[in-house]
Amino acid sequence: SGGQIQLAAQFGGNFALELAAKYEAYHASLL
């Protein structure tokens, strides 16, 4: 794919998971 992808994940104690991603090369993001 090329380019840097910034990832973030938070593991909660109550069976919860939060994910975030930012792809600068394609100006795309995910939450």
All heavy atoms as atom14 arrays in JSON, in Angstrom:
{
  "sequence": "SGGQIQLAAQFGGNFALELAAKYEAYHASLL",
  "atom14_mask": [
    [1, 1, 1, 1, 1, 1, 0, 0, 0, 0, 0, 0, 0, 0],
    [1, 1, 1, 1, 0, 0, 0, 0, 0, 0, 0, 0, 0, 0],
    [1, 1, 1, 1, 0, 0, 0, 0, 0, 0, 0, 0, 0, 0],
    [1, 1, 1, 1, 1, 1, 1, 1, 1, 0, 0, 0, 0, 0],
    [1, 1, 1, 1, 1, 1, 1, 1, 0, 0, 0, 0, 0, 0],
    [1, 1, 1, 1, 1, 1, 1, 1, 1, 0, 0, 0, 0, 0],
    [1, 1, 1, 1, 1, 1, 1, 1, 0, 0, 0, 0, 0, 0],
    [1, 1, 1, 1, 1, 0, 0, 0, 0, 0, 0, 0, 0, 0],
    [1, 1, 1, 1, 1, 0, 0, 0, 0, 0, 0, 0, 0, 0],
    [1, 1, 1, 1, 1, 1, 1, 1, 1, 0, 0, 0, 0, 0],
    [1, 1, 1, 1, 1, 1, 1, 1, 1, 1, 1, 0, 0, 0],
    [1, 1, 1, 1, 0, 0, 0, 0, 0, 0, 0, 0, 0, 0],
    [1, 1, 1, 1, 0, 0, 0, 0, 0, 0, 0, 0, 0, 0],
    [1, 1, 1, 1, 1, 1, 1, 1, 0, 0, 0, 0, 0, 0],
    [1, 1, 1, 1, 1, 1, 1, 1, 1, 1, 1, 0, 0, 0],
    [1, 1, 1, 1, 1, 0, 0, 0, 0, 0, 0, 0, 0, 0],
    [1, 1, 1, 1, 1, 1, 1, 1, 0, 0, 0, 0, 0, 0],
    [1, 1, 1, 1, 1, 1, 1, 1, 1, 0, 0, 0, 0, 0],
    [1, 1, 1, 1, 1, 1, 1, 1, 0, 0, 0, 0, 0, 0],
    [1, 1, 1, 1, 1, 0, 0, 0, 0, 0, 0, 0, 0, 0],
    [1, 1, 1, 1, 1, 0, 0, 0, 0, 0, 0, 0, 0, 0],
    [1, 1, 1, 1, 1, 1, 1, 1, 1, 0, 0, 0, 0, 0],
    [1, 1, 1, 1, 1, 1, 1, 1, 1, 1, 1, 1, 0, 0],
    [1, 1, 1, 1, 1, 1, 1, 1, 1, 0, 0, 0, 0, 0],
    [1, 1, 1, 1, 1, 0, 0, 0, 0, 0, 0, 0, 0, 0],
    [1, 1, 1, 1, 1, 1, 1, 1, 1, 1, 1, 1, 0, 0],
    [1, 1, 1, 1, 1, 1, 1, 1, 1, 1, 0, 0, 0, 0],
    [1, 1, 1, 1, 1, 0, 0, 0, 0, 0, 0, 0, 0, 0],
    [1, 1, 1, 1, 1, 1, 0, 0, 0, 0, 0, 0, 0, 0],
    [1, 1, 1, 1, 1, 1, 1, 1, 0, 0, 0, 0, 0, 0],
    [1, 1, 1, 1, 1, 1, 1, 1, 0, 0, 0, 0, 0, 0]
  ],
  "atom14_positions": [
    [[0.81, -1.22, 0.0], [0.0, 0.0, 0.0], [0.84, 1.26, 0.0], [0.47, 2.27, -0.59], [-0.94, 0.0, 1.21], [-0.18, -0.11, 2.41], [0.0, 0.0, 0.0], [0.0, 0.0, 0.0], [0.0, 0.0, 0.0], [0.0, 0.0, 0.0], [0.0, 0.0, 0.0], [0.0, 0.0, 0.0], [0.0, 0.0, 0.0], [0.0, 0.0, 0.0]],
    [[1.98, 1.24, 0.67], [2.82, 2.42, 0.77], [2.23, 3.43, 1.74], [1.03, 3.47, 1.98], [0.0, 0.0, 0.0], [0.0, 0.0, 0.0], [0.0, 0.0, 0.0], [0.0, 0.0, 0.0], [0.0, 0.0, 0.0], [0.0, 0.0, 0.0], [0.0, 0.0, 0.0], [0.0, 0.0, 0.0], [0.0, 0.0, 0.0], [0.0, 0.0, 0.0]],
    [[3.09, 4.3, 2.27], [2.62, 5.31, 3.21], [2.45, 4.75, 4.61], [2.33, 3.55, 4.81], [0.0, 0.0, 0.0], [0.0, 0.0, 0.0], [0.0, 0.0, 0.0], [0.0, 0.0, 0.0], [0.0, 0.0, 0.0], [0.0, 0.0, 0.0], [0.0, 0.0, 0.0], [0.0, 0.0, 0.0], [0.0, 0.0, 0.0], [0.0, 0.0, 0.0]],
    [[2.43, 5.65, 5.57], [2.29, 5.28, 6.97], [0.82, 5.19, 7.37], [0.0, 6.0, 6.96], [2.99, 6.31, 7.86], [4.5, 6.3, 7.76], [5.13, 5.22, 8.63], [4.48, 4.64, 9.49], [6.4, 4.96, 8.39], [0.0, 0.0, 0.0], [0.0, 0.0, 0.0], [0.0, 0.0, 0.0], [0.0, 0.0, 0.0], [0.0, 0.0, 0.0]],
    [[0.51, 4.19, 8.17], [-0.82, 4.04, 8.76], [-0.67, 4.19, 10.27], [0.1, 3.47, 10.9], [-1.45, 2.68, 8.42], [-1.57, 2.51, 6.9], [-2.81, 2.54, 9.08], [-2.08, 1.14, 6.49], [0.0, 0.0, 0.0], [0.0, 0.0, 0.0], [0.0, 0.0, 0.0], [0.0, 0.0, 0.0], [0.0, 0.0, 0.0], [0.0, 0.0, 0.0]],
    [[-1.41, 5.13, 10.83], [-1.38, 5.34, 12.27], [-2.51, 4.54, 12.91], [-3.68, 4.71, 12.56], [-1.55, 6.83, 12.6], [-0.54, 7.74, 11.92], [0.89, 7.47, 12.36], [1.12, 7.12, 13.52], [1.84, 7.64, 11.46], [0.0, 0.0, 0.0], [0.0, 0.0, 0.0], [0.0, 0.0, 0.0], [0.0, 0.0, 0.0], [0.0, 0.0, 0.0]],
    [[-2.15, 3.66, 13.83], [-3.13, 2.81, 14.49], [-3.19, 3.12, 15.97], [-2.19, 3.46, 16.6], [-2.76, 1.33, 14.31], [-2.82, 0.74, 12.9], [-2.38, -0.72, 12.94], [-4.23, 0.85, 12.33], [0.0, 0.0, 0.0], [0.0, 0.0, 0.0], [0.0, 0.0, 0.0], [0.0, 0.0, 0.0], [0.0, 0.0, 0.0], [0.0, 0.0, 0.0]],
    [[-4.39, 2.97, 16.52], [-4.59, 3.12, 17.97], [-5.65, 2.12, 18.4], [-6.65, 1.92, 17.7], [-5.02, 4.53, 18.32], [0.0, 0.0, 0.0], [0.0, 0.0, 0.0], [0.0, 0.0, 0.0], [0.0, 0.0, 0.0], [0.0, 0.0, 0.0], [0.0, 0.0, 0.0], [0.0, 0.0, 0.0], [0.0, 0.0, 0.0], [0.0, 0.0, 0.0]],
    [[-5.42, 1.48, 19.54], [-6.38, 0.52, 20.07], [-6.43, 0.66, 21.58], [-5.41, 0.87, 22.23], [-5.99, -0.9, 19.68], [0.0, 0.0, 0.0], [0.0, 0.0, 0.0], [0.0, 0.0, 0.0], [0.0, 0.0, 0.0], [0.0, 0.0, 0.0], [0.0, 0.0, 0.0], [0.0, 0.0, 0.0], [0.0, 0.0, 0.0], [0.0, 0.0, 0.0]],
    [[-7.63, 0.57, 22.11], [-7.84, 0.66, 23.55], [-8.6, -0.58, 24.01], [-9.7, -0.84, 23.53], [-8.63, 1.91, 23.92], [-8.91, 2.06, 25.4], [-7.66, 2.36, 26.22], [-6.92, 3.29, 25.91], [-7.41, 1.57, 27.24], [0.0, 0.0, 0.0], [0.0, 0.0, 0.0], [0.0, 0.0, 0.0], [0.0, 0.0, 0.0], [0.0, 0.0, 0.0]],
    [[-7.97, -1.35, 24.91], [-8.59, -2.55, 25.45], [-9.22, -2.21, 26.79], [-8.53, -1.91, 27.75], [-7.56, -3.67, 25.61], [-6.98, -4.15, 24.32], [-5.92, -3.47, 23.73], [-7.49, -5.27, 23.68], [-5.38, -3.91, 22.53], [-6.95, -5.71, 22.5], [-5.91, -5.04, 21.91], [0.0, 0.0, 0.0], [0.0, 0.0, 0.0], [0.0, 0.0, 0.0]],
    [[-10.56, -2.28, 26.84], [-11.26, -1.97, 28.06], [-11.41, -3.19, 28.95], [-11.27, -4.33, 28.5], [0.0, 0.0, 0.0], [0.0, 0.0, 0.0], [0.0, 0.0, 0.0], [0.0, 0.0, 0.0], [0.0, 0.0, 0.0], [0.0, 0.0, 0.0], [0.0, 0.0, 0.0], [0.0, 0.0, 0.0], [0.0, 0.0, 0.0], [0.0, 0.0, 0.0]],
    [[-11.72, -2.96, 30.2], [-11.87, -4.06, 31.13], [-13.24, -4.7, 31.11], [-13.46, -5.73, 31.73], [0.0, 0.0, 0.0], [0.0, 0.0, 0.0], [0.0, 0.0, 0.0], [0.0, 0.0, 0.0], [0.0, 0.0, 0.0], [0.0, 0.0, 0.0], [0.0, 0.0, 0.0], [0.0, 0.0, 0.0], [0.0, 0.0, 0.0], [0.0, 0.0, 0.0]],
    [[-14.2, -4.1, 30.39], [-15.57, -4.62, 30.36], [-15.91, -5.21, 28.98], [-16.97, -4.94, 28.41], [-16.56, -3.51, 30.71], [-16.39, -2.29, 29.81], [-15.4, -2.17, 29.1], [-17.35, -1.39, 29.85], [0.0, 0.0, 0.0], [0.0, 0.0, 0.0], [0.0, 0.0, 0.0], [0.0, 0.0, 0.0], [0.0, 0.0, 0.0], [0.0, 0.0, 0.0]],
    [[-14.99, -6.0, 28.44], [-15.17, -6.67, 27.15], [-15.45, -5.66, 26.04], [-16.36, -5.84, 25.23], [-16.28, -7.72, 27.22], [-16.06, -8.77, 28.25], [-16.82, -8.81, 29.4], [-15.06, -9.71, 28.08], [-16.61, -9.77, 30.36], [-14.84, -10.69, 29.04], [-15.6, -10.71, 30.18], [0.0, 0.0, 0.0], [0.0, 0.0, 0.0], [0.0, 0.0, 0.0]],
    [[-14.68, -4.57, 26.02], [-14.83, -3.54, 25.0], [-13.49, -3.3, 24.32], [-12.43, -3.41, 24.93], [-15.35, -2.24, 25.62], [0.0, 0.0, 0.0], [0.0, 0.0, 0.0], [0.0, 0.0, 0.0], [0.0, 0.0, 0.0], [0.0, 0.0, 0.0], [0.0, 0.0, 0.0], [0.0, 0.0, 0.0], [0.0, 0.0, 0.0], [0.0, 0.0, 0.0]],
    [[-13.56, -2.98, 23.03], [-12.36, -2.73, 22.24], [-12.64, -1.57, 21.3], [-13.64, -1.57, 20.58], [-11.99, -3.98, 21.43], [-10.83, -3.86, 20.44], [-9.53, -3.53, 21.16], [-10.67, -5.15, 19.64], [0.0, 0.0, 0.0], [0.0, 0.0, 0.0], [0.0, 0.0, 0.0], [0.0, 0.0, 0.0], [0.0, 0.0, 0.0], [0.0, 0.0, 0.0]],
    [[-11.77, -0.57, 21.32], [-11.89, 0.59, 20.44], [-10.69, 0.64, 19.5], [-9.55, 0.5, 19.95], [-11.99, 1.88, 21.25], [-13.24, 1.98, 22.11], [-13.3, 3.28, 22.89], [-12.38, 4.1, 22.72], [-14.27, 3.46, 23.64], [0.0, 0.0, 0.0], [0.0, 0.0, 0.0], [0.0, 0.0, 0.0], [0.0, 0.0, 0.0], [0.0, 0.0, 0.0]],
    [[-10.97, 0.84, 18.22], [-9.93, 0.87, 17.2], [-10.01, 2.17, 16.41], [-11.11, 2.66, 16.12], [-10.07, -0.31, 16.24], [-9.95, -1.72, 16.83], [-10.28, -2.76, 15.76], [-8.56, -1.95, 17.37], [0.0, 0.0, 0.0], [0.0, 0.0, 0.0], [0.0, 0.0, 0.0], [0.0, 0.0, 0.0], [0.0, 0.0, 0.0], [0.0, 0.0, 0.0]],
    [[-8.84, 2.7, 16.05], [-8.78, 3.9, 15.22], [-7.6, 3.75, 14.26], [-6.55, 3.23, 14.63], [-8.62, 5.16, 16.07], [0.0, 0.0, 0.0], [0.0, 0.0, 0.0], [0.0, 0.0, 0.0], [0.0, 0.0, 0.0], [0.0, 0.0, 0.0], [0.0, 0.0, 0.0], [0.0, 0.0, 0.0], [0.0, 0.0, 0.0], [0.0, 0.0, 0.0]],
    [[-7.79, 4.18, 13.03], [-6.73, 4.11, 12.01], [-6.79, 5.36, 11.14], [-7.89, 5.84, 10.82], [-6.88, 2.85, 11.17], [0.0, 0.0, 0.0], [0.0, 0.0, 0.0], [0.0, 0.0, 0.0], [0.0, 0.0, 0.0], [0.0, 0.0, 0.0], [0.0, 0.0, 0.0], [0.0, 0.0, 0.0], [0.0, 0.0, 0.0], [0.0, 0.0, 0.0]],
    [[-5.62, 5.85, 10.75], [-5.54, 7.03, 9.9], [-4.51, 6.77, 8.81], [-3.35, 6.45, 9.1], [-5.16, 8.26, 10.72], [-5.24, 9.56, 9.95], [-4.96, 10.75, 10.85], [-5.1, 12.06, 10.1], [-4.83, 13.23, 10.98], [0.0, 0.0, 0.0], [0.0, 0.0, 0.0], [0.0, 0.0, 0.0], [0.0, 0.0, 0.0], [0.0, 0.0, 0.0]],
    [[-4.94, 6.89, 7.56], [-4.08, 6.61, 6.41], [-3.86, 7.91, 5.65], [-4.71, 8.35, 4.85], [-4.76, 5.57, 5.51], [-3.85, 4.87, 4.55], [-4.33, 3.84, 3.73], [-2.51, 5.21, 4.43], [-3.51, 3.18, 2.84], [-1.67, 4.56, 3.55], [-2.19, 3.54, 2.75], [-1.37, 2.89, 1.86], [0.0, 0.0, 0.0], [0.0, 0.0, 0.0]],
    [[-2.73, 8.56, 5.9], [-2.46, 9.87, 5.35], [-2.4, 9.86, 3.83], [-2.86, 10.8, 3.16], [-1.14, 10.42, 5.92], [-1.17, 10.71, 7.42], [-1.91, 11.99, 7.74], [-2.35, 12.67, 6.81], [-2.05, 12.3, 8.94], [0.0, 0.0, 0.0], [0.0, 0.0, 0.0], [0.0, 0.0, 0.0], [0.0, 0.0, 0.0], [0.0, 0.0, 0.0]],
    [[-1.83, 8.83, 3.23], [-1.64, 8.79, 1.78], [-2.95, 8.89, 1.02], [-3.0, 9.44, -0.09], [-0.89, 7.51, 1.39], [0.0, 0.0, 0.0], [0.0, 0.0, 0.0], [0.0, 0.0, 0.0], [0.0, 0.0, 0.0], [0.0, 0.0, 0.0], [0.0, 0.0, 0.0], [0.0, 0.0, 0.0], [0.0, 0.0, 0.0], [0.0, 0.0, 0.0]],
    [[-4.02, 8.34, 1.58], [-5.32, 8.35, 0.91], [-6.35, 9.21, 1.66], [-7.54, 9.16, 1.34], [-5.85, 6.92, 0.77], [-5.06, 6.09, -0.2], [-3.98, 5.33, 0.23], [-5.36, 6.08, -1.56], [-3.23, 4.57, -0.65], [-4.63, 5.32, -2.46], [-3.56, 4.56, -2.0], [-2.83, 3.81, -2.88], [0.0, 0.0, 0.0], [0.0, 0.0, 0.0]],
    [[-5.88, 9.99, 2.63], [-6.76, 10.86, 3.41], [-7.95, 10.08, 3.95], [-9.11, 10.54, 3.9], [-7.24, 12.04, 2.55], [-6.12, 12.84, 1.95], [-5.33, 13.71, 2.68], [-5.65, 12.88, 0.66], [-4.45, 14.26, 1.88], [-4.6, 13.77, 0.66], [0.0, 0.0, 0.0], [0.0, 0.0, 0.0], [0.0, 0.0, 0.0], [0.0, 0.0, 0.0]],
    [[-7.68, 8.92, 4.47], [-8.73, 8.04, 4.97], [-8.54, 7.8, 6.46], [-7.41, 7.82, 6.96], [-8.73, 6.72, 4.22], [0.0, 0.0, 0.0], [0.0, 0.0, 0.0], [0.0, 0.0, 0.0], [0.0, 0.0, 0.0], [0.0, 0.0, 0.0], [0.0, 0.0, 0.0], [0.0, 0.0, 0.0], [0.0, 0.0, 0.0], [0.0, 0.0, 0.0]],
    [[-9.63, 7.59, 7.16], [-9.57, 7.31, 8.59], [-10.7, 6.37, 8.98], [-11.71, 6.26, 8.28], [-9.65, 8.6, 9.41], [-10.88, 9.26, 9.17], [0.0, 0.0, 0.0], [0.0, 0.0, 0.0], [0.0, 0.0, 0.0], [0.0, 0.0, 0.0], [0.0, 0.0, 0.0], [0.0, 0.0, 0.0], [0.0, 0.0, 0.0], [0.0, 0.0, 0.0]],
    [[-10.51, 5.69, 10.08], [-11.49, 4.72, 10.57], [-11.56, 4.83, 12.09], [-10.54, 4.9, 12.76], [-11.11, 3.31, 10.16], [-11.9, 2.16, 10.8], [-13.33, 2.16, 10.27], [-11.24, 0.82, 10.52], [0.0, 0.0, 0.0], [0.0, 0.0, 0.0], [0.0, 0.0, 0.0], [0.0, 0.0, 0.0], [0.0, 0.0, 0.0], [0.0, 0.0, 0.0]],
    [[-12.77, 4.81, 12.61], [-12.99, 4.81, 14.05], [-14.11, 3.83, 14.35], [-15.22, 3.95, 13.81], [-13.36, 6.2, 14.55], [-13.61, 6.34, 16.06], [-12.34, 6.0, 16.84], [-14.09, 7.74, 16.4], [0.0, 0.0, 0.0], [0.0, 0.0, 0.0], [0.0, 0.0, 0.0], [0.0, 0.0, 0.0], [0.0, 0.0, 0.0], [0.0, 0.0, 0.0]]
  ]
}
